[in-house]
Amino acid sequence: MPNIVVSKGEIEYLAPVTSANIIATCENTDKTMWDEFLARYEQKGSAKVCLSSTINSEVNGVEQVAVKFKGTYALIGYSST
């Protein structure tokens, strides 16, 4: 079974997250990027992908981006079984 690690990460704290209701999103619909990621993993047994996410929270009655995270994730370890 492979391991997933964050090999690099960058966080921006823009506002306090005090609301009980938060919305976390990570969007990446680039099919080519995912195809290349999976192909590299199949060939090499490891691959990296860069993803960005946000956390929205209500601040003073207005929903806004409170946190931004950008990370490079590595999938390491190949098992053919």
N, C-alpha and C. Protein backbone atom coordinates (compact mmCIF):
# COMPACT_ATOMS: atom_id res chain seq x y z
N MET A 1 0.84 -1.17 0.00
CA MET A 1 0.00 0.00 0.00
C MET A 1 0.90 1.25 0.00
N PRO A 2 0.61 2.23 -0.84
CA PRO A 2 1.46 3.42 -0.91
C PRO A 2 1.24 4.35 0.28
N ASN A 3 2.20 5.22 0.49
CA ASN A 3 2.11 6.28 1.49
C ASN A 3 1.84 7.59 0.79
N ILE A 4 1.05 8.44 1.42
CA ILE A 4 0.80 9.78 0.92
C ILE A 4 1.43 10.76 1.90
N VAL A 5 2.30 11.64 1.40
CA VAL A 5 2.95 12.63 2.26
C VAL A 5 2.83 14.01 1.63
N VAL A 6 2.85 15.03 2.47
CA VAL A 6 2.93 16.41 1.99
C VAL A 6 4.41 16.74 1.93
N SER A 7 4.95 16.88 0.72
CA SER A 7 6.37 17.13 0.59
C SER A 7 6.69 18.62 0.66
N LYS A 8 5.68 19.46 0.45
CA LYS A 8 5.87 20.91 0.55
C LYS A 8 4.50 21.52 0.82
N GLY A 9 4.43 22.50 1.71
CA GLY A 9 3.15 23.13 1.99
C GLY A 9 3.30 24.60 2.32
N GLU A 10 2.29 25.37 1.97
CA GLU A 10 2.28 26.80 2.23
C GLU A 10 0.86 27.19 2.67
N ILE A 11 0.76 27.84 3.84
CA ILE A 11 -0.53 28.20 4.39
C ILE A 11 -0.61 29.72 4.59
N GLU A 12 -1.74 30.30 4.19
CA GLU A 12 -2.02 31.71 4.46
C GLU A 12 -3.25 31.76 5.37
N TYR A 13 -3.08 32.36 6.53
CA TYR A 13 -4.20 32.56 7.44
C TYR A 13 -4.72 33.98 7.23
N LEU A 14 -5.92 34.10 6.67
CA LEU A 14 -6.45 35.40 6.29
C LEU A 14 -7.46 35.96 7.30
N ALA A 15 -8.13 35.07 8.01
CA ALA A 15 -9.13 35.48 8.99
C ALA A 15 -9.31 34.34 9.99
N PRO A 16 -9.77 34.65 11.19
CA PRO A 16 -10.01 33.58 12.17
C PRO A 16 -11.15 32.66 11.73
N VAL A 17 -11.01 31.41 12.04
CA VAL A 17 -12.07 30.43 11.76
C VAL A 17 -12.77 30.17 13.09
N THR A 18 -13.85 30.90 13.32
CA THR A 18 -14.56 30.80 14.59
C THR A 18 -15.95 30.20 14.43
N SER A 19 -16.43 30.14 13.22
CA SER A 19 -17.77 29.61 12.96
C SER A 19 -17.77 28.09 13.07
N ALA A 20 -18.89 27.54 13.55
CA ALA A 20 -19.04 26.09 13.59
C ALA A 20 -19.22 25.51 12.19
N ASN A 21 -19.67 26.34 11.26
CA ASN A 21 -19.88 25.91 9.88
C ASN A 21 -18.76 26.44 9.00
N ILE A 22 -17.98 25.51 8.47
CA ILE A 22 -16.92 25.90 7.54
C ILE A 22 -17.11 25.13 6.24
N ILE A 23 -16.54 25.67 5.18
CA ILE A 23 -16.58 25.00 3.87
C ILE A 23 -15.14 24.87 3.39
N ALA A 24 -14.68 23.64 3.23
CA ALA A 24 -13.35 23.38 2.72
C ALA A 24 -13.47 22.88 1.29
N THR A 25 -12.70 23.46 0.38
CA THR A 25 -12.75 23.04 -1.02
C THR A 25 -11.34 22.83 -1.56
N CYS A 26 -11.26 21.89 -2.46
CA CYS A 26 -10.03 21.62 -3.21
C CYS A 26 -10.48 21.24 -4.60
N GLU A 27 -10.28 22.12 -5.53
CA GLU A 27 -10.74 21.86 -6.89
C GLU A 27 -9.55 21.71 -7.82
N ASN A 28 -9.59 20.65 -8.59
CA ASN A 28 -8.64 20.48 -9.67
C ASN A 28 -9.28 19.56 -10.69
N THR A 29 -9.76 20.16 -11.74
CA THR A 29 -10.46 19.40 -12.78
C THR A 29 -9.60 19.18 -14.01
N ASP A 30 -8.30 19.39 -13.87
CA ASP A 30 -7.39 19.22 -15.00
C ASP A 30 -7.14 17.72 -15.22
N LYS A 31 -7.92 17.12 -16.10
CA LYS A 31 -7.83 15.68 -16.36
C LYS A 31 -6.43 15.28 -16.84
N THR A 32 -5.79 16.11 -17.64
CA THR A 32 -4.45 15.79 -18.15
C THR A 32 -3.46 15.67 -17.00
N MET A 33 -3.54 16.57 -16.02
CA MET A 33 -2.64 16.53 -14.88
C MET A 33 -2.82 15.22 -14.10
N TRP A 34 -4.07 14.81 -13.88
CA TRP A 34 -4.32 13.56 -13.16
C TRP A 34 -3.88 12.35 -13.97
N ASP A 35 -4.09 12.38 -15.29
CA ASP A 35 -3.63 11.28 -16.14
C ASP A 35 -2.12 11.13 -16.05
N GLU A 36 -1.39 12.24 -16.09
CA GLU A 36 0.07 12.22 -16.01
C GLU A 36 0.53 11.74 -14.63
N PHE A 37 -0.16 12.18 -13.58
CA PHE A 37 0.15 11.76 -12.23
C PHE A 37 0.02 10.24 -12.10
N LEU A 38 -1.10 9.70 -12.55
CA LEU A 38 -1.33 8.25 -12.46
C LEU A 38 -0.36 7.46 -13.33
N ALA A 39 -0.06 7.97 -14.51
CA ALA A 39 0.89 7.28 -15.40
C ALA A 39 2.28 7.23 -14.76
N ARG A 40 2.70 8.34 -14.15
CA ARG A 40 4.01 8.37 -13.50
C ARG A 40 4.03 7.38 -12.32
N TYR A 41 2.96 7.34 -11.56
CA TYR A 41 2.90 6.39 -10.43
C TYR A 41 2.99 4.95 -10.93
N GLU A 42 2.27 4.66 -12.00
CA GLU A 42 2.30 3.30 -12.57
C GLU A 42 3.71 2.94 -13.04
N GLN A 43 4.43 3.91 -13.64
CA GLN A 43 5.76 3.64 -14.19
C GLN A 43 6.85 3.63 -13.13
N LYS A 44 6.82 4.60 -12.23
CA LYS A 44 7.93 4.82 -11.30
C LYS A 44 7.66 4.34 -9.87
N GLY A 45 6.38 4.15 -9.53
CA GLY A 45 6.05 3.78 -8.16
C GLY A 45 5.96 4.97 -7.23
N SER A 46 6.08 6.18 -7.79
CA SER A 46 5.90 7.40 -7.01
C SER A 46 5.48 8.52 -7.96
N ALA A 47 4.80 9.50 -7.40
CA ALA A 47 4.36 10.65 -8.21
C ALA A 47 4.02 11.80 -7.28
N LYS A 48 4.06 13.02 -7.82
CA LYS A 48 3.71 14.21 -7.05
C LYS A 48 2.60 14.98 -7.75
N VAL A 49 1.79 15.66 -6.94
CA VAL A 49 0.74 16.51 -7.47
C VAL A 49 0.62 17.73 -6.57
N CYS A 50 0.40 18.89 -7.17
CA CYS A 50 0.24 20.13 -6.43
C CYS A 50 -1.25 20.47 -6.38
N LEU A 51 -1.77 20.67 -5.16
CA LEU A 51 -3.18 20.98 -4.97
C LEU A 51 -3.32 22.24 -4.12
N SER A 52 -4.35 23.00 -4.40
CA SER A 52 -4.67 24.20 -3.62
C SER A 52 -6.05 24.04 -3.03
N SER A 53 -6.20 24.48 -1.79
CA SER A 53 -7.49 24.39 -1.13
C SER A 53 -7.77 25.66 -0.34
N THR A 54 -9.03 25.87 -0.04
CA THR A 54 -9.44 27.01 0.77
C THR A 54 -10.40 26.55 1.85
N ILE A 55 -10.43 27.31 2.93
CA ILE A 55 -11.43 27.13 3.97
C ILE A 55 -12.18 28.44 4.09
N ASN A 56 -13.49 28.36 3.87
CA ASN A 56 -14.35 29.53 4.02
C ASN A 56 -15.04 29.46 5.37
N SER A 57 -15.18 30.61 5.99
CA SER A 57 -15.84 30.70 7.28
C SER A 57 -16.61 32.01 7.35
N GLU A 58 -17.59 32.03 8.21
CA GLU A 58 -18.36 33.26 8.39
C GLU A 58 -17.59 34.16 9.35
N VAL A 59 -17.28 35.37 8.89
CA VAL A 59 -16.59 36.36 9.69
C VAL A 59 -17.44 37.62 9.71
N ASN A 60 -17.88 38.01 10.89
CA ASN A 60 -18.74 39.19 11.05
C ASN A 60 -19.98 39.10 10.16
N GLY A 61 -20.56 37.91 10.08
CA GLY A 61 -21.79 37.72 9.32
C GLY A 61 -21.61 37.56 7.82
N VAL A 62 -20.37 37.54 7.35
CA VAL A 62 -20.10 37.42 5.92
C VAL A 62 -19.18 36.22 5.68
N GLU A 63 -19.59 35.36 4.74
CA GLU A 63 -18.73 34.22 4.40
C GLU A 63 -17.55 34.71 3.58
N GLN A 64 -16.36 34.31 3.98
CA GLN A 64 -15.16 34.70 3.23
C GLN A 64 -14.08 33.64 3.37
N VAL A 65 -13.08 33.73 2.51
CA VAL A 65 -11.95 32.80 2.57
C VAL A 65 -11.15 33.14 3.83
N ALA A 66 -10.99 32.17 4.69
CA ALA A 66 -10.24 32.36 5.92
C ALA A 66 -8.84 31.77 5.85
N VAL A 67 -8.69 30.67 5.10
CA VAL A 67 -7.40 30.00 5.00
C VAL A 67 -7.19 29.53 3.57
N LYS A 68 -5.95 29.70 3.09
CA LYS A 68 -5.55 29.15 1.79
C LYS A 68 -4.38 28.21 2.04
N PHE A 69 -4.44 27.04 1.41
CA PHE A 69 -3.36 26.06 1.53
C PHE A 69 -2.96 25.59 0.14
N LYS A 70 -1.67 25.57 -0.10
CA LYS A 70 -1.14 25.03 -1.35
C LYS A 70 -0.10 24.00 -0.96
N GLY A 71 -0.27 22.78 -1.44
CA GLY A 71 0.65 21.72 -1.06
C GLY A 71 1.02 20.81 -2.21
N THR A 72 2.22 20.27 -2.11
CA THR A 72 2.66 19.25 -3.04
C THR A 72 2.58 17.92 -2.31
N TYR A 73 1.77 17.04 -2.83
CA TYR A 73 1.54 15.74 -2.23
C TYR A 73 2.30 14.70 -3.04
N ALA A 74 2.94 13.78 -2.33
CA ALA A 74 3.67 12.70 -2.99
C ALA A 74 3.04 11.37 -2.63
N LEU A 75 2.84 10.54 -3.64
CA LEU A 75 2.37 9.17 -3.47
C LEU A 75 3.60 8.29 -3.67
N ILE A 76 3.98 7.58 -2.63
CA ILE A 76 5.26 6.83 -2.64
C ILE A 76 5.01 5.38 -2.27
N GLY A 77 5.61 4.50 -3.01
CA GLY A 77 5.52 3.07 -2.70
C GLY A 77 4.60 2.37 -3.66
N TYR A 78 5.12 1.44 -4.36
CA TYR A 78 4.36 0.74 -5.40
C TYR A 78 4.15 -0.70 -5.00
N SER A 79 2.95 -1.15 -5.19
CA SER A 79 2.66 -2.56 -4.94
C SER A 79 1.85 -3.09 -6.12
N SER A 80 2.34 -4.09 -6.77
CA SER A 80 1.64 -4.65 -7.94
C SER A 80 0.59 -5.68 -7.55
N THR A 81 0.43 -5.91 -6.24
CA THR A 81 -0.56 -6.89 -5.79
C THR A 81 -1.85 -6.23 -5.39
